């Protein structure tokens, strides 16, 4: 992240969110857990900044539900669940149904924890 999130435009925040998701995908494929976790922390900063902006600009991430990268789609759905529960849940379910690991497992666990009332999403 070249700039601090609070200095970024909405377009830069969304682009950074995508960039982070693509990098997380590569890290997951290569089992680089510490890299994935550092990217998660950066993603949280982006999400928090989008939430802080007028009218909760996380809604811009809904457009990423059909992104070609599975991690970007999963991140977008999890990050917008509170704003678009049905749409986000459909994306998470579709990822779980792919059986492509580790994303399908993460999506399945997300759905299970939501259904059990054990967790909440961004």
N, C-alpha and C. Protein backbone atom coordinates (compact mmCIF):
# COMPACT_ATOMS: atom_id res chain seq x y z
N UNK A 1 0.86 -1.17 0.00
CA UNK A 1 0.00 0.00 0.00
C UNK A 1 0.91 1.23 0.00
N UNK A 2 0.83 1.97 -1.07
CA UNK A 2 1.70 3.13 -1.21
C UNK A 2 1.24 4.30 -0.35
N UNK A 3 -0.07 4.47 -0.26
CA UNK A 3 -0.65 5.56 0.53
C UNK A 3 -1.40 4.97 1.71
N UNK A 4 -1.58 5.80 2.69
CA UNK A 4 -2.44 5.40 3.80
C UNK A 4 -3.89 5.42 3.30
N UNK A 5 -4.71 4.48 3.77
CA UNK A 5 -6.09 4.40 3.27
C UNK A 5 -6.87 5.70 3.35
N UNK A 6 -6.67 6.46 4.40
CA UNK A 6 -7.45 7.70 4.54
C UNK A 6 -7.07 8.75 3.50
N UNK A 7 -5.94 8.55 2.82
CA UNK A 7 -5.50 9.48 1.77
C UNK A 7 -5.89 8.99 0.38
N UNK A 8 -6.49 7.81 0.30
CA UNK A 8 -6.81 7.21 -0.99
C UNK A 8 -8.21 7.59 -1.46
N UNK A 9 -8.35 7.68 -2.79
CA UNK A 9 -9.67 7.89 -3.38
C UNK A 9 -10.44 6.57 -3.28
N UNK A 10 -11.75 6.64 -3.53
CA UNK A 10 -12.55 5.41 -3.52
C UNK A 10 -12.04 4.42 -4.56
N UNK A 11 -11.67 4.92 -5.73
CA UNK A 11 -11.15 4.05 -6.79
C UNK A 11 -9.86 3.37 -6.34
N UNK A 12 -9.01 4.11 -5.66
CA UNK A 12 -7.75 3.54 -5.17
C UNK A 12 -8.01 2.51 -4.08
N UNK A 13 -8.99 2.76 -3.23
CA UNK A 13 -9.32 1.80 -2.18
C UNK A 13 -9.81 0.48 -2.78
N UNK A 14 -10.70 0.56 -3.77
CA UNK A 14 -11.21 -0.64 -4.41
C UNK A 14 -10.09 -1.36 -5.15
N UNK A 15 -9.26 -0.63 -5.85
CA UNK A 15 -8.14 -1.24 -6.57
C UNK A 15 -7.18 -1.93 -5.59
N UNK A 16 -6.94 -1.31 -4.46
CA UNK A 16 -6.08 -1.91 -3.45
C UNK A 16 -6.71 -3.17 -2.87
N UNK A 17 -8.02 -3.14 -2.66
CA UNK A 17 -8.75 -4.31 -2.17
C UNK A 17 -8.57 -5.48 -3.14
N UNK A 18 -8.70 -5.21 -4.43
CA UNK A 18 -8.52 -6.25 -5.45
C UNK A 18 -7.08 -6.76 -5.44
N UNK A 19 -6.14 -5.84 -5.42
CA UNK A 19 -4.72 -6.20 -5.41
C UNK A 19 -4.39 -7.10 -4.21
N UNK A 20 -4.93 -6.76 -3.07
CA UNK A 20 -4.71 -7.56 -1.85
C UNK A 20 -5.31 -8.95 -2.03
N UNK A 21 -6.52 -9.03 -2.57
CA UNK A 21 -7.16 -10.33 -2.78
C UNK A 21 -6.37 -11.22 -3.71
N UNK A 22 -5.87 -10.66 -4.80
CA UNK A 22 -5.07 -11.43 -5.75
C UNK A 22 -3.79 -11.92 -5.07
N UNK A 23 -3.16 -11.06 -4.30
CA UNK A 23 -1.94 -11.45 -3.58
C UNK A 23 -2.24 -12.52 -2.52
N UNK A 24 -3.39 -12.40 -1.85
CA UNK A 24 -3.79 -13.43 -0.87
C UNK A 24 -4.01 -14.76 -1.57
N UNK A 25 -4.60 -14.72 -2.74
CA UNK A 25 -4.83 -15.94 -3.50
C UNK A 25 -3.51 -16.65 -3.80
N UNK A 26 -2.54 -15.90 -4.25
CA UNK A 26 -1.22 -16.48 -4.54
C UNK A 26 -0.58 -17.03 -3.27
N UNK A 27 -0.70 -16.29 -2.19
CA UNK A 27 -0.13 -16.74 -0.91
C UNK A 27 -0.81 -18.03 -0.45
N UNK A 28 -2.12 -18.11 -0.61
CA UNK A 28 -2.85 -19.32 -0.20
C UNK A 28 -2.42 -20.52 -1.04
N UNK A 29 -2.28 -20.31 -2.34
CA UNK A 29 -1.86 -21.40 -3.23
C UNK A 29 -0.48 -21.93 -2.87
N UNK A 30 0.37 -21.05 -2.36
CA UNK A 30 1.75 -21.41 -2.03
C UNK A 30 1.93 -21.68 -0.53
N UNK A 31 0.83 -21.75 0.21
CA UNK A 31 0.85 -22.02 1.66
C UNK A 31 1.74 -21.04 2.43
N UNK A 32 1.75 -19.78 2.00
CA UNK A 32 2.50 -18.73 2.71
C UNK A 32 1.53 -18.03 3.66
N UNK A 33 1.34 -18.66 4.81
CA UNK A 33 0.33 -18.22 5.78
C UNK A 33 0.66 -16.85 6.35
N UNK A 34 1.92 -16.60 6.69
CA UNK A 34 2.26 -15.30 7.28
C UNK A 34 2.03 -14.17 6.28
N UNK A 35 2.31 -14.42 5.01
CA UNK A 35 2.04 -13.41 3.98
C UNK A 35 0.54 -13.17 3.86
N UNK A 36 -0.24 -14.26 3.84
CA UNK A 36 -1.69 -14.15 3.76
C UNK A 36 -2.22 -13.31 4.92
N UNK A 37 -1.72 -13.58 6.12
CA UNK A 37 -2.19 -12.86 7.31
C UNK A 37 -1.82 -11.38 7.28
N UNK A 38 -0.63 -11.05 6.80
CA UNK A 38 -0.25 -9.63 6.67
C UNK A 38 -1.16 -8.93 5.67
N UNK A 39 -1.48 -9.62 4.59
CA UNK A 39 -2.40 -9.05 3.60
C UNK A 39 -3.80 -8.89 4.19
N UNK A 40 -4.21 -9.81 5.04
CA UNK A 40 -5.50 -9.70 5.72
C UNK A 40 -5.55 -8.40 6.54
N UNK A 41 -4.47 -8.12 7.25
CA UNK A 41 -4.42 -6.89 8.05
C UNK A 41 -4.55 -5.65 7.16
N UNK A 42 -3.90 -5.67 6.00
CA UNK A 42 -4.02 -4.54 5.06
C UNK A 42 -5.45 -4.43 4.53
N UNK A 43 -6.04 -5.59 4.22
CA UNK A 43 -7.42 -5.59 3.73
C UNK A 43 -8.36 -4.98 4.77
N UNK A 44 -8.17 -5.31 6.04
CA UNK A 44 -9.00 -4.75 7.11
C UNK A 44 -8.92 -3.22 7.14
N UNK A 45 -7.73 -2.68 6.93
CA UNK A 45 -7.57 -1.22 6.89
C UNK A 45 -8.40 -0.62 5.75
N UNK A 46 -8.38 -1.27 4.60
CA UNK A 46 -9.16 -0.79 3.45
C UNK A 46 -10.65 -0.86 3.76
N UNK A 47 -11.09 -1.99 4.29
CA UNK A 47 -12.52 -2.16 4.62
C UNK A 47 -12.96 -1.12 5.64
N UNK A 48 -12.16 -0.92 6.66
CA UNK A 48 -12.51 0.05 7.69
C UNK A 48 -12.61 1.47 7.12
N UNK A 49 -11.71 1.79 6.19
CA UNK A 49 -11.77 3.12 5.57
C UNK A 49 -13.01 3.26 4.69
N UNK A 50 -13.33 2.23 3.93
CA UNK A 50 -14.56 2.28 3.12
C UNK A 50 -15.79 2.43 4.00
N UNK A 51 -15.82 1.73 5.12
CA UNK A 51 -16.96 1.81 6.04
C UNK A 51 -17.07 3.23 6.62
N UNK A 52 -15.95 3.84 6.90
CA UNK A 52 -15.90 5.17 7.51
C UNK A 52 -16.40 6.26 6.55
N UNK A 53 -16.24 6.06 5.27
CA UNK A 53 -16.64 7.08 4.30
C UNK A 53 -18.16 7.24 4.29
N UNK A 54 -18.62 8.41 3.83
CA UNK A 54 -20.05 8.70 3.77
C UNK A 54 -20.83 7.57 3.13
N UNK A 55 -21.94 7.20 3.75
CA UNK A 55 -22.85 6.17 3.25
C UNK A 55 -22.22 4.78 3.14
N UNK A 56 -21.20 4.50 3.92
CA UNK A 56 -20.57 3.18 3.97
C UNK A 56 -20.23 2.69 2.55
N UNK A 57 -19.10 3.10 2.08
CA UNK A 57 -18.71 2.83 0.70
C UNK A 57 -18.25 1.37 0.44
N UNK A 58 -18.40 0.50 1.44
CA UNK A 58 -18.14 -0.93 1.18
C UNK A 58 -19.05 -1.43 0.07
N UNK A 59 -20.16 -0.75 -0.15
CA UNK A 59 -21.09 -1.17 -1.20
C UNK A 59 -20.42 -1.23 -2.56
N UNK A 60 -19.34 -0.47 -2.76
CA UNK A 60 -18.60 -0.52 -4.02
C UNK A 60 -18.01 -1.90 -4.27
N UNK A 61 -17.80 -2.66 -3.22
CA UNK A 61 -17.20 -3.99 -3.35
C UNK A 61 -18.18 -5.02 -3.90
N UNK A 62 -19.47 -4.71 -3.88
CA UNK A 62 -20.48 -5.63 -4.43
C UNK A 62 -20.19 -5.90 -5.91
N UNK A 63 -19.65 -4.93 -6.61
CA UNK A 63 -19.31 -5.10 -8.03
C UNK A 63 -18.25 -6.18 -8.24
N UNK A 64 -17.57 -6.58 -7.18
CA UNK A 64 -16.51 -7.59 -7.29
C UNK A 64 -17.03 -9.02 -7.11
N UNK A 65 -18.33 -9.19 -6.93
CA UNK A 65 -18.90 -10.53 -6.75
C UNK A 65 -18.62 -11.44 -7.94
N UNK A 66 -18.39 -10.87 -9.11
CA UNK A 66 -18.10 -11.71 -10.27
C UNK A 66 -16.66 -11.54 -10.77
N UNK A 67 -15.79 -11.08 -9.90
CA UNK A 67 -14.37 -10.92 -10.25
C UNK A 67 -13.80 -12.29 -10.62
N UNK A 68 -12.87 -12.35 -11.56
CA UNK A 68 -12.31 -13.65 -11.96
C UNK A 68 -11.51 -14.36 -10.86
N UNK A 69 -11.03 -13.63 -9.87
CA UNK A 69 -10.23 -14.25 -8.81
C UNK A 69 -11.14 -14.67 -7.66
N UNK A 70 -11.06 -15.93 -7.28
CA UNK A 70 -11.94 -16.50 -6.25
C UNK A 70 -11.73 -15.83 -4.88
N UNK A 71 -10.50 -15.48 -4.55
CA UNK A 71 -10.23 -14.84 -3.26
C UNK A 71 -10.83 -13.44 -3.23
N UNK A 72 -10.75 -12.72 -4.34
CA UNK A 72 -11.35 -11.38 -4.42
C UNK A 72 -12.86 -11.50 -4.22
N UNK A 73 -13.49 -12.49 -4.87
CA UNK A 73 -14.93 -12.68 -4.71
C UNK A 73 -15.28 -13.01 -3.27
N UNK A 74 -14.52 -13.91 -2.65
CA UNK A 74 -14.78 -14.28 -1.26
C UNK A 74 -14.61 -13.09 -0.33
N UNK A 75 -13.53 -12.35 -0.51
CA UNK A 75 -13.30 -11.16 0.32
C UNK A 75 -14.44 -10.15 0.15
N UNK A 76 -14.86 -9.93 -1.10
CA UNK A 76 -15.93 -8.96 -1.36
C UNK A 76 -17.23 -9.39 -0.70
N UNK A 77 -17.56 -10.67 -0.83
CA UNK A 77 -18.81 -11.16 -0.24
C UNK A 77 -18.78 -11.06 1.29
N UNK A 78 -17.67 -11.45 1.88
CA UNK A 78 -17.57 -11.36 3.34
C UNK A 78 -17.62 -9.91 3.81
N UNK A 79 -17.01 -9.03 3.04
CA UNK A 79 -16.93 -7.62 3.44
C UNK A 79 -18.22 -6.85 3.25
N UNK A 80 -19.13 -7.40 2.46
CA UNK A 80 -20.39 -6.70 2.19
C UNK A 80 -21.60 -7.47 2.72
N UNK A 81 -21.39 -8.51 3.47
CA UNK A 81 -22.48 -9.36 3.96
C UNK A 81 -23.55 -8.55 4.69
N UNK A 82 -23.12 -7.62 5.52
CA UNK A 82 -24.08 -6.81 6.29
C UNK A 82 -24.89 -5.87 5.39
N UNK A 83 -24.36 -5.53 4.24
CA UNK A 83 -25.02 -4.60 3.33
C UNK A 83 -25.89 -5.30 2.29
N UNK A 84 -25.56 -6.55 1.98
CA UNK A 84 -26.23 -7.28 0.90
C UNK A 84 -26.23 -8.77 1.27
N UNK A 85 -26.94 -9.10 2.32
CA UNK A 85 -26.89 -10.45 2.88
C UNK A 85 -27.19 -11.53 1.85
N UNK A 86 -28.27 -11.40 1.12
CA UNK A 86 -28.64 -12.44 0.16
C UNK A 86 -27.61 -12.59 -0.95
N UNK A 87 -27.19 -11.48 -1.52
CA UNK A 87 -26.21 -11.53 -2.60
C UNK A 87 -24.87 -12.07 -2.14
N UNK A 88 -24.42 -11.60 -0.98
CA UNK A 88 -23.14 -12.06 -0.45
C UNK A 88 -23.20 -13.55 -0.11
N UNK A 89 -24.29 -13.96 0.51
CA UNK A 89 -24.43 -15.38 0.86
C UNK A 89 -24.42 -16.26 -0.39
N UNK A 90 -25.05 -15.81 -1.47
CA UNK A 90 -25.06 -16.57 -2.71
C UNK A 90 -23.64 -16.74 -3.26
N UNK A 91 -22.84 -15.69 -3.18
CA UNK A 91 -21.44 -15.77 -3.64
C UNK A 91 -20.66 -16.73 -2.77
N UNK A 92 -20.81 -16.62 -1.46
CA UNK A 92 -20.09 -17.50 -0.53
C UNK A 92 -20.51 -18.96 -0.77
N UNK A 93 -21.81 -19.20 -0.97
CA UNK A 93 -22.29 -20.56 -1.25
C UNK A 93 -21.72 -21.09 -2.56
N UNK A 94 -21.69 -20.25 -3.58
CA UNK A 94 -21.15 -20.66 -4.88
C UNK A 94 -19.68 -21.05 -4.75
N UNK A 95 -18.94 -20.32 -3.94
CA UNK A 95 -17.53 -20.65 -3.72
C UNK A 95 -17.41 -21.97 -2.97
N UNK A 96 -18.23 -22.16 -1.95
CA UNK A 96 -18.23 -23.44 -1.21
C UNK A 96 -18.53 -24.59 -2.16
N UNK A 97 -19.46 -24.39 -3.07
CA UNK A 97 -19.88 -25.44 -4.00
C UNK A 97 -18.81 -25.80 -5.02
N UNK A 98 -17.83 -24.93 -5.24
CA UNK A 98 -16.78 -25.23 -6.22
C UNK A 98 -15.89 -26.38 -5.77
N UNK A 99 -15.78 -26.57 -4.47
CA UNK A 99 -14.88 -27.58 -3.88
C UNK A 99 -13.40 -27.26 -4.14
N UNK A 100 -13.11 -26.05 -4.60
CA UNK A 100 -11.72 -25.64 -4.84
C UNK A 100 -11.14 -25.18 -3.50
N UNK A 101 -10.13 -25.87 -3.05
CA UNK A 101 -9.54 -25.56 -1.75
C UNK A 101 -8.38 -24.60 -1.90
N UNK A 102 -8.16 -23.75 -0.92
CA UNK A 102 -8.77 -23.68 0.41
C UNK A 102 -10.03 -22.81 0.47
N UNK A 103 -10.41 -22.23 -0.67
CA UNK A 103 -11.50 -21.27 -0.69
C UNK A 103 -12.85 -21.89 -0.35
N UNK A 104 -13.11 -23.07 -0.89
CA UNK A 104 -14.38 -23.75 -0.61
C UNK A 104 -14.50 -24.05 0.88
N UNK A 105 -13.41 -24.47 1.48
CA UNK A 105 -13.43 -24.75 2.92
C UNK A 105 -13.69 -23.49 3.74
N UNK A 106 -13.04 -22.42 3.37
CA UNK A 106 -13.25 -21.15 4.06
C UNK A 106 -14.68 -20.67 3.91
N UNK A 107 -15.21 -20.79 2.69
CA UNK A 107 -16.59 -20.37 2.44
C UNK A 107 -17.56 -21.23 3.23
N UNK A 108 -17.33 -22.53 3.23
CA UNK A 108 -18.20 -23.44 3.97
C UNK A 108 -18.19 -23.16 5.46
N UNK A 109 -17.01 -22.91 6.01
CA UNK A 109 -16.91 -22.59 7.44
C UNK A 109 -17.58 -21.25 7.75
N UNK A 110 -17.47 -20.32 6.82
CA UNK A 110 -18.14 -19.02 7.01
C UNK A 110 -19.65 -19.22 7.09
N UNK A 111 -20.20 -19.99 6.16
CA UNK A 111 -21.64 -20.24 6.17
C UNK A 111 -22.06 -20.98 7.44
N UNK A 112 -21.28 -21.96 7.84
CA UNK A 112 -21.60 -22.72 9.05
C UNK A 112 -21.60 -21.80 10.27
N UNK A 113 -20.57 -20.96 10.40
CA UNK A 113 -20.50 -20.09 11.59
C UNK A 113 -21.63 -19.07 11.59
N UNK A 114 -22.02 -18.58 10.43
CA UNK A 114 -23.15 -17.66 10.36
C UNK A 114 -24.44 -18.37 10.75
N UNK A 115 -24.64 -19.57 10.22
CA UNK A 115 -25.85 -20.32 10.51
C UNK A 115 -25.94 -20.71 11.98
N UNK A 116 -24.81 -20.96 12.59
CA UNK A 116 -24.77 -21.33 14.01
C UNK A 116 -24.78 -20.12 14.94
N UNK A 117 -24.71 -18.93 14.35
CA UNK A 117 -24.70 -17.71 15.16
C UNK A 117 -23.39 -17.50 15.90
N UNK A 118 -22.32 -18.09 15.39
CA UNK A 118 -21.03 -18.03 16.07
C UNK A 118 -20.16 -16.88 15.61
N UNK A 119 -20.51 -16.28 14.51
CA UNK A 119 -19.65 -15.22 14.01
C UNK A 119 -20.43 -14.18 13.25
N UNK A 120 -19.75 -13.12 12.98
CA UNK A 120 -20.32 -12.08 12.14
C UNK A 120 -19.24 -11.65 11.17
N UNK A 121 -19.67 -11.09 10.07
CA UNK A 121 -18.72 -10.66 9.04
C UNK A 121 -18.57 -9.16 9.07
N UNK A 122 -17.51 -8.72 8.41
CA UNK A 122 -17.23 -7.28 8.32
C UNK A 122 -18.47 -6.58 7.89
